[in-house]
C-alpha atoms as a PDB file:
ATOM      1  CA  MET A   1     104.472-139.942 -17.245  1.00  0.00           C
ATOM      2  CA  ASN A   2     104.091-140.740 -21.314  1.00  0.00           C
ATOM      3  CA  ALA A   3     100.523-139.622 -21.127  1.00  0.00           C
ATOM      4  CA  ALA A   4     101.157-136.817 -18.878  1.00  0.00           C
ATOM      5  CA  LEU A   5     103.778-135.566 -21.107  1.00  0.00           C
ATOM      6  CA  ALA A   6     101.764-135.824 -24.180  1.00  0.00           C
ATOM      7  CA  ALA A   7      98.655-134.189 -22.459  1.00  0.00           C
ATOM      8  CA  ALA A   8     100.734-131.297 -21.641  1.00  0.00           C
ATOM      9  CA  ALA A   9     102.064-131.002 -25.055  1.00  0.00           C
ATOM     10  CA  THR A  10      98.324-131.153 -26.226  1.00  0.00           C
ATOM     11  CA  LEU A  11      97.346-128.277 -24.230  1.00  0.00           C
ATOM     12  CA  VAL A  12     100.261-126.119 -24.830  1.00  0.00           C
ATOM     13  CA  ALA A  13      99.686-126.531 -28.452  1.00  0.00           C
ATOM     14  CA  LEU A  14      95.744-125.615 -28.122  1.00  0.00           C
ATOM     15  CA  ALA A  15      96.996-122.388 -26.221  1.00  0.00           C
ATOM     16  CA  PHE A  16      99.389-121.655 -28.974  1.00  0.00           C
ATOM     17  CA  CYS A  17      96.841-122.452 -31.879  1.00  0.00           C
ATOM     18  CA  PHE A  18      94.112-120.080 -30.034  1.00  0.00           C
ATOM     19  CA  SER A  19      96.636-117.356 -29.827  1.00  0.00           C
ATOM     20  CA  THR A  20      97.504-117.299 -33.838  1.00  0.00           C
ATOM     21  CA  LEU A  21      93.839-117.873 -34.474  1.00  0.00           C
ATOM     22  CA  ASP A  22      92.892-114.789 -32.520  1.00  0.00           C
ATOM     23  CA  ARG A  23      95.880-112.872 -34.227  1.00  0.00           C
ATOM     24  CA  TRP A  24      94.568-113.882 -37.611  1.00  0.00           C
ATOM     25  CA  LEU A  25      91.040-113.099 -37.115  1.00  0.00           C
ATOM     26  CA  ARG A  26      92.062-109.589 -35.905  1.00  0.00           C
ATOM     27  CA  ARG A  27      94.563-108.993 -38.585  1.00  0.00           C
ATOM     28  CA  ARG A  28      94.139-111.940 -41.643  1.00  0.00           C
ATOM     29  CA  ARG A  29      97.521-112.162 -42.303  1.00  0.00           C
ATOM     30  CA  PRO A  30      98.180-115.260 -44.351  1.00  0.00           C
ATOM     31  CA  HIS A  31     101.360-116.605 -42.127  1.00  0.00           C
ATOM     32  CA  GLU A  32      99.287-116.373 -39.078  1.00  0.00           C
ATOM     33  CA  LEU A  33      96.491-118.786 -40.359  1.00  0.00           C
ATOM     34  CA  ALA A  34      99.167-121.533 -41.691  1.00  0.00           C
ATOM     35  CA  TRP A  35     100.278-121.231 -37.794  1.00  0.00           C
ATOM     36  CA  THR A  36      96.812-121.916 -36.887  1.00  0.00           C
ATOM     37  CA  VAL A  37      96.258-125.090 -39.118  1.00  0.00           C
ATOM     38  CA  SER A  38      99.856-126.208 -38.187  1.00  0.00           C
ATOM     39  CA  LEU A  39      98.993-125.917 -34.461  1.00  0.00           C
ATOM     40  CA  ALA A  40      95.740-127.511 -34.902  1.00  0.00           C
ATOM     41  CA  LEU A  41      97.353-130.934 -36.488  1.00  0.00           C
ATOM     42  CA  PHE A  42     100.258-130.832 -33.599  1.00  0.00           C
ATOM     43  CA  ALA A  43      97.415-130.670 -31.204  1.00  0.00           C
ATOM     44  CA  VAL A  44      95.435-133.709 -33.082  1.00  0.00           C
ATOM     45  CA  GLY A  45      98.806-135.533 -33.633  1.00  0.00           C
ATOM     46  CA  SER A  46      99.710-134.951 -29.716  1.00  0.00           C
ATOM     47  CA  GLY A  47      96.220-135.999 -28.562  1.00  0.00           C
ATOM     48  CA  ALA A  48      96.771-139.105 -30.245  1.00  0.00           C
ATOM     49  CA  LEU A  49      99.541-139.715 -28.705  1.00  0.00           C
ATOM     50  CA  TRP A  50      97.930-138.804 -25.454  1.00  0.00           C
ATOM     51  CA  TRP A  51      94.750-141.411 -26.292  1.00  0.00           C
ATOM     52  CA  ALA A  52      97.410-143.969 -27.013  1.00  0.00           C
ATOM     53  CA  GLU A  53      99.568-143.851 -24.053  1.00  0.00           C
ATOM     54  CA  SER A  54      96.367-143.659 -21.804  1.00  0.00           C
ATOM     55  CA  ALA A  55      94.200-146.558 -23.525  1.00  0.00           C
ATOM     56  CA  GLY A  56      96.549-148.465 -25.675  1.00  0.00           C
ATOM     57  CA  TRP A  57      97.596-148.028 -28.904  1.00  0.00           C
ATOM     58  CA  SER A  58      95.586-149.163 -31.798  1.00  0.00           C
ATOM     59  CA  LEU A  59      95.959-148.676 -35.789  1.00  0.00           C
ATOM     60  CA  GLY A  60      93.428-146.126 -35.991  1.00  0.00           C
ATOM     61  CA  ALA A  61      95.512-143.866 -33.149  1.00  0.00           C
ATOM     62  CA  PHE A  62      98.677-144.275 -34.991  1.00  0.00           C
ATOM     63  CA  ARG A  63      97.362-143.307 -38.292  1.00  0.00           C
ATOM     64  CA  VAL A  64      96.083-140.024 -36.950  1.00  0.00           C
ATOM     65  CA  PHE A  65      99.179-139.701 -34.773  1.00  0.00           C
ATOM     66  CA  TYR A  66     101.367-140.531 -37.792  1.00  0.00           C
ATOM     67  CA  MET A  67      99.369-138.215 -40.235  1.00  0.00           C
ATOM     68  CA  ALA A  68      98.942-135.336 -38.091  1.00  0.00           C
ATOM     69  CA  GLY A  69     102.259-135.337 -36.232  1.00  0.00           C
ATOM     70  CA  ALA A  70     104.884-136.991 -38.479  1.00  0.00           C
ATOM     71  CA  VAL A  71     103.718-135.754 -41.805  1.00  0.00           C
ATOM     72  CA  LEU A  72     101.619-132.407 -41.921  1.00  0.00           C
ATOM     73  CA  ASN A  73     102.005-130.266 -38.927  1.00  0.00           C
ATOM     74  CA  VAL A  74     105.756-128.939 -39.870  1.00  0.00           C
ATOM     75  CA  PRO A  75     105.064-128.112 -43.386  1.00  0.00           C
ATOM     76  CA  TRP A  76     102.063-125.911 -42.539  1.00  0.00           C
ATOM     77  CA  LEU A  77     104.189-124.129 -39.900  1.00  0.00           C
ATOM     78  CA  ALA A  78     106.774-123.764 -42.846  1.00  0.00           C
ATOM     79  CA  LEU A  79     104.123-122.187 -44.973  1.00  0.00           C
ATOM     80  CA  GLY A  80     104.347-119.434 -42.537  1.00  0.00           C
ATOM     81  CA  THR A  81     108.135-119.054 -42.868  1.00  0.00           C
ATOM     82  CA  VAL A  82     107.617-118.720 -46.527  1.00  0.00           C
ATOM     83  CA  TYR A  83     104.577-116.105 -46.161  1.00  0.00           C
ATOM     84  CA  LEU A  84     106.820-114.084 -43.951  1.00  0.00           C
ATOM     85  CA  LEU A  85     110.068-114.327 -45.729  1.00  0.00           C
ATOM     86  CA  ALA A  86     109.045-114.644 -49.339  1.00  0.00           C
ATOM     87  CA  GLY A  87     105.777-112.586 -49.593  1.00  0.00           C
ATOM     88  CA  GLN A  88     102.055-113.781 -50.182  1.00  0.00           C
ATOM     89  CA  ARG A  89     102.543-114.949 -54.262  1.00  0.00           C
ATOM     90  CA  LEU A  90     105.271-117.292 -53.489  1.00  0.00           C
ATOM     91  CA  GLY A  91     103.314-118.207 -50.118  1.00  0.00           C
ATOM     92  CA  ASP A  92      99.799-118.838 -52.282  1.00  0.00           C
ATOM     93  CA  ARG A  93     101.565-121.032 -54.716  1.00  0.00           C
ATOM     94  CA  VAL A  94     103.326-123.278 -52.163  1.00  0.00           C
ATOM     95  CA  ARG A  95      99.835-123.251 -49.951  1.00  0.00           C
ATOM     96  CA  TRP A  96      98.104-124.759 -53.041  1.00  0.00           C
ATOM     97  CA  TRP A  97     100.723-127.289 -53.227  1.00  0.00           C
ATOM     98  CA  LEU A  98     100.535-128.294 -49.480  1.00  0.00           C
ATOM     99  CA  VAL A  99      96.495-128.463 -49.696  1.00  0.00           C
ATOM    100  CA  PHE A 100      97.544-131.121 -52.561  1.00  0.00           C
ATOM    101  CA  LEU A 101     100.033-132.752 -49.985  1.00  0.00           C
ATOM    102  CA  SER A 102      97.783-132.840 -47.438  1.00  0.00           C
ATOM    103  CA  GLY A 103      94.907-134.600 -49.256  1.00  0.00           C
ATOM    104  CA  LEU A 104      97.314-137.174 -50.681  1.00  0.00           C
ATOM    105  CA  THR A 105      98.334-137.506 -47.284  1.00  0.00           C
ATOM    106  CA  VAL A 106      94.916-138.310 -45.850  1.00  0.00           C
ATOM    107  CA  GLY A 107      94.447-140.898 -48.452  1.00  0.00           C
ATOM    108  CA  VAL A 108      97.810-142.642 -48.339  1.00  0.00           C
ATOM    109  CA  VAL A 109      98.433-142.497 -44.366  1.00  0.00           C
ATOM    110  CA  GLY A 110      94.345-143.257 -43.769  1.00  0.00           C
ATOM    111  CA  PHE A 111      93.907-146.239 -46.118  1.00  0.00           C
ATOM    112  CA  SER A 112      97.293-147.924 -46.675  1.00  0.00           C
ATOM    113  CA  PRO A 113      97.782-151.299 -46.253  1.00  0.00           C
ATOM    114  CA  THR A 114      99.835-152.529 -42.914  1.00  0.00           C
ATOM    115  CA  LYS A 115     102.629-154.888 -42.676  1.00  0.00           C
ATOM    116  CA  ALA A 116     102.385-155.667 -39.212  1.00  0.00           C
ATOM    117  CA  ALA A 117      99.718-155.234 -36.194  1.00  0.00           C
ATOM    118  CA  VAL A 118      99.794-152.724 -33.745  1.00  0.00           C
ATOM    119  CA  VAL A 119     100.299-153.783 -30.340  1.00  0.00           C
ATOM    120  CA  PRO A 120      98.409-151.922 -27.866  1.00  0.00           C
ATOM    121  CA  ASP A 121     101.298-151.717 -25.248  1.00  0.00           C
ATOM    122  CA  GLU A 122     104.454-151.008 -27.816  1.00  0.00           C
ATOM    123  CA  PHE A 123     105.146-147.934 -29.665  1.00  0.00           C
ATOM    124  CA  PRO A 124     104.745-148.281 -33.087  1.00  0.00           C
ATOM    125  CA  THR A 125     106.649-147.088 -35.699  1.00  0.00           C
ATOM    126  CA  GLY A 126     106.411-146.142 -39.335  1.00  0.00           C
ATOM    127  CA  LYS A 127     108.905-148.483 -40.669  1.00  0.00           C
ATOM    128  CA  GLU A 128     107.256-151.448 -38.698  1.00  0.00           C
ATOM    129  CA  VAL A 129     103.497-150.317 -39.850  1.00  0.00           C
ATOM    130  CA  PHE A 130     103.815-148.951 -43.431  1.00  0.00           C
ATOM    131  CA  GLY A 131     105.030-149.746 -46.673  1.00  0.00           C
ATOM    132  CA  VAL A 132     107.023-147.351 -48.669  1.00  0.00           C
ATOM    133  CA  ALA A 133     104.814-144.429 -49.321  1.00  0.00           C
ATOM    134  CA  PRO A 134     103.953-143.201 -46.261  1.00  0.00           C
ATOM    135  CA  ARG A 135     107.159-143.205 -44.805  1.00  0.00           C
ATOM    136  CA  VAL A 136     108.427-141.182 -48.159  1.00  0.00           C
ATOM    137  CA  LEU A 137     105.727-138.334 -47.266  1.00  0.00           C
ATOM    138  CA  ALA A 138     106.760-138.054 -43.474  1.00  0.00           C
ATOM    139  CA  ALA A 139     110.384-137.780 -44.485  1.00  0.00           C
ATOM    140  CA  VAL A 140     109.719-135.432 -47.103  1.00  0.00           C
ATOM    141  CA  GLY A 141     107.056-133.540 -45.430  1.00  0.00           C
ATOM    142  CA  SER A 142     108.741-133.043 -41.857  1.00  0.00           C
ATOM    143  CA  GLY A 143     112.620-133.136 -43.388  1.00  0.00           C
ATOM    144  CA  VAL A 144     112.035-130.723 -46.069  1.00  0.00           C
ATOM    145  CA  ALA A 145     109.943-128.380 -43.759  1.00  0.00           C
ATOM    146  CA  ALA A 146     111.920-128.561 -40.800  1.00  0.00           C
ATOM    147  CA  VAL A 147     114.817-127.343 -43.127  1.00  0.00           C
ATOM    148  CA  VAL A 148     113.062-124.590 -44.278  1.00  0.00           C
ATOM    149  CA  ILE A 149     111.765-123.386 -40.641  1.00  0.00           C
ATOM    150  CA  ILE A 150     115.418-123.472 -39.532  1.00  0.00           C
ATOM    151  CA  ALA A 151     116.883-122.047 -42.218  1.00  0.00           C
ATOM    152  CA  GLY A 152     114.592-119.279 -42.421  1.00  0.00           C
ATOM    153  CA  ALA A 153     114.427-118.364 -38.844  1.00  0.00           C
ATOM    154  CA  LEU A 154     118.430-118.107 -39.055  1.00  0.00           C
ATOM    155  CA  TRP A 155     118.509-116.349 -41.809  1.00  0.00           C
ATOM    156  CA  SER A 156     115.790-113.656 -40.628  1.00  0.00           C
ATOM    157  CA  ALA A 157     117.953-113.310 -37.555  1.00  0.00           C
ATOM    158  CA  TRP A 158     121.110-113.068 -39.302  1.00  0.00           C
ATOM    159  CA  ARG A 159     119.340-110.160 -41.514  1.00  0.00           C
ATOM    160  CA  VAL A 160     117.920-108.321 -38.805  1.00  0.00           C
ATOM    161  CA  LEU A 161     121.361-108.185 -37.134  1.00  0.00           C
ATOM    162  CA  ARG A 162     122.881-106.632 -40.085  1.00  0.00           C
ATOM    163  CA  HIS A 163     120.129-103.986 -40.187  1.00  0.00           C
ATOM    164  CA  ARG A 164     118.703-105.103 -43.153  1.00  0.00           C
ATOM    165  CA  ASN A 165     114.717-106.261 -43.859  1.00  0.00           C
ATOM    166  CA  PRO A 166     114.028-109.916 -42.874  1.00  0.00           C
ATOM    167  CA  SER A 167     111.788-110.450 -45.966  1.00  0.00           C
ATOM    168  CA  LEU A 168     112.917-110.700 -49.703  1.00  0.00           C
ATOM    169  CA  ASP A 169     110.087-108.618 -50.651  1.00  0.00           C
ATOM    170  CA  GLY A 170     111.186-105.655 -47.796  1.00  0.00           C
ATOM    171  CA  GLN A 171     107.568-105.804 -46.775  1.00  0.00           C
ATOM    172  CA  ARG A 172     108.080-106.696 -42.954  1.00  0.00           C
ATOM    173  CA  THR A 173     108.331-103.642 -40.457  1.00  0.00           C
ATOM    174  CA  VAL A 174     110.646-104.742 -37.580  1.00  0.00           C
ATOM    175  CA  ALA A 175     109.996-102.701 -34.333  1.00  0.00           C
ATOM    176  CA  ALA A 176     111.782-104.465 -32.135  1.00  0.00           C
ATOM    177  CA  PRO A 177     114.861-106.090 -33.701  1.00  0.00           C
ATOM    178  CA  GLY A 178     116.399-107.697 -30.508  1.00  0.00           C
ATOM    179  CA  ARG A 179     113.358-109.637 -30.018  1.00  0.00           C
ATOM    180  CA  LEU A 180     112.755-110.687 -33.176  1.00  0.00           C
ATOM    181  CA  VAL A 181     116.307-112.254 -33.354  1.00  0.00           C
ATOM    182  CA  ALA A 182     115.603-113.885 -30.226  1.00  0.00           C
ATOM    183  CA  GLY A 183     112.287-115.613 -31.233  1.00  0.00           C
ATOM    184  CA  ASN A 184     113.810-116.593 -34.439  1.00  0.00           C
ATOM    185  CA  VAL A 185     116.765-118.557 -32.655  1.00  0.00           C
ATOM    186  CA  LEU A 186     114.028-119.830 -30.213  1.00  0.00           C
ATOM    187  CA  ILE A 187     111.841-121.080 -33.102  1.00  0.00           C
ATOM    188  CA  ALA A 188     114.786-122.640 -34.911  1.00  0.00           C
ATOM    189  CA  THR A 189     115.807-124.253 -31.692  1.00  0.00           C
ATOM    190  CA  GLY A 190     112.197-125.628 -30.764  1.00  0.00           C
ATOM    191  CA  THR A 191     112.224-127.073 -34.465  1.00  0.00           C
ATOM    192  CA  LEU A 192     115.515-128.829 -33.751  1.00  0.00           C
ATOM    193  CA  VAL A 193     114.106-130.501 -30.482  1.00  0.00           C
ATOM    194  CA  LEU A 194     111.167-131.464 -32.362  1.00  0.00           C
ATOM    195  CA  SER A 195     113.315-133.386 -34.744  1.00  0.00           C
ATOM    196  CA  GLY A 196     115.352-134.934 -31.982  1.00  0.00           C
ATOM    197  CA  SER A 197     113.139-137.746 -30.879  1.00  0.00           C
ATOM    198  CA  GLY A 198     115.551-140.497 -32.745  1.00  0.00           C
ATOM    199  CA  THR A 199     118.259-139.385 -31.064  1.00  0.00           C
ATOM    200  CA  LEU A 200     116.776-139.934 -27.205  1.00  0.00           C
ATOM    201  CA  ALA A 201     114.929-142.993 -28.095  1.00  0.00           C
ATOM    202  CA  GLY A 202     118.129-145.063 -27.795  1.00  0.00           C
ATOM    203  CA  ARG A 203     117.976-143.844 -24.173  1.00  0.00           C
ATOM    204  CA  LEU A 204     114.249-143.208 -23.090  1.00  0.00           C
ATOM    205  CA  GLY A 205     112.713-145.476 -25.564  1.00  0.00           C
ATOM    206  CA  GLU A 206     110.375-144.483 -28.488  1.00  0.00           C
ATOM    207  CA  ASP A 207     107.079-143.159 -26.680  1.00  0.00           C
ATOM    208  CA  ARG A 208     109.204-141.537 -23.902  1.00  0.00           C
ATOM    209  CA  ALA A 209     111.370-139.851 -26.575  1.00  0.00           C
ATOM    210  CA  PHE A 210     108.470-138.534 -28.676  1.00  0.00           C
ATOM    211  CA  ALA A 211     106.621-137.114 -25.440  1.00  0.00           C
ATOM    212  CA  VAL A 212     109.521-135.469 -24.324  1.00  0.00           C
ATOM    213  CA  THR A 213     110.534-133.907 -27.458  1.00  0.00           C
ATOM    214  CA  LEU A 214     106.724-132.828 -28.441  1.00  0.00           C
ATOM    215  CA  LEU A 215     106.293-130.995 -25.099  1.00  0.00           C
ATOM    216  CA  VAL A 216     109.557-129.414 -24.966  1.00  0.00           C
ATOM    217  CA  GLY A 217     109.503-128.464 -28.713  1.00  0.00           C
ATOM    218  CA  ILE A 218     106.362-126.939 -28.624  1.00  0.00           C
ATOM    219  CA  VAL A 219     106.804-124.735 -25.340  1.00  0.00           C
ATOM    220  CA  ILE A 220     110.106-123.778 -26.899  1.00  0.00           C
ATOM    221  CA  LEU A 221     108.461-122.528 -30.023  1.00  0.00           C
ATOM    222  CA  PHE A 222     105.572-120.779 -28.253  1.00  0.00           C
ATOM    223  CA  VAL A 223     107.778-119.222 -26.352  1.00  0.00           C
ATOM    224  CA  GLY A 224     109.700-118.076 -29.435  1.00  0.00           C
ATOM    225  CA  PHE A 225     106.618-116.779 -30.803  1.00  0.00           C
ATOM    226  CA  LEU A 226     105.613-114.668 -27.736  1.00  0.00           C
ATOM    227  CA  VAL A 227     109.432-112.979 -27.616  1.00  0.00           C
ATOM    228  CA  ALA A 228     109.090-112.033 -31.672  1.00  0.00           C
END
């Protein structure tokens, strides 16, 4: 069941990724490229979970899962929010910092020494396997970025409801305010679901909680994207 849930999350992420890539190729808007990178990382992370649940966990699979899923995919999604709400100048500055963070993450998570061996039939956690540095990157990357996405989506929805332009520079055109509000609420909800694996872990177990929240969260995000 865990492998099937992870496989479904991977396929939805790939469909979402191809949708944003197609839009970027046609319109060349920077937020759509940021979303494409994020969703490609999401697919890599959930694909690593799919592989591990099917064939057993290994240190390599966990490093890929942690790097793409726990650290990098949410910040790149948040970069899209920055581009949409704050404009290209600030978005470009954040992008260069994010490129630096991505390189740092590959080095730290990919090559950090481990505290314990990865058991093939047990879901590993960053606290058990890694030292401080990879866990700090995960906390800062996912935690801060999730706040940006949720706050940005809700702020944008509130601005549209008040008949104001949702972007700070006033450059966005809103053709369907109701759909944009609904899409933003769904995007905020999907991000909250993706952050909720710890809440479910006590009831479902770590691996089942991650698989469920990955699938449900990415589906809600995709629906929010399509609605908006």
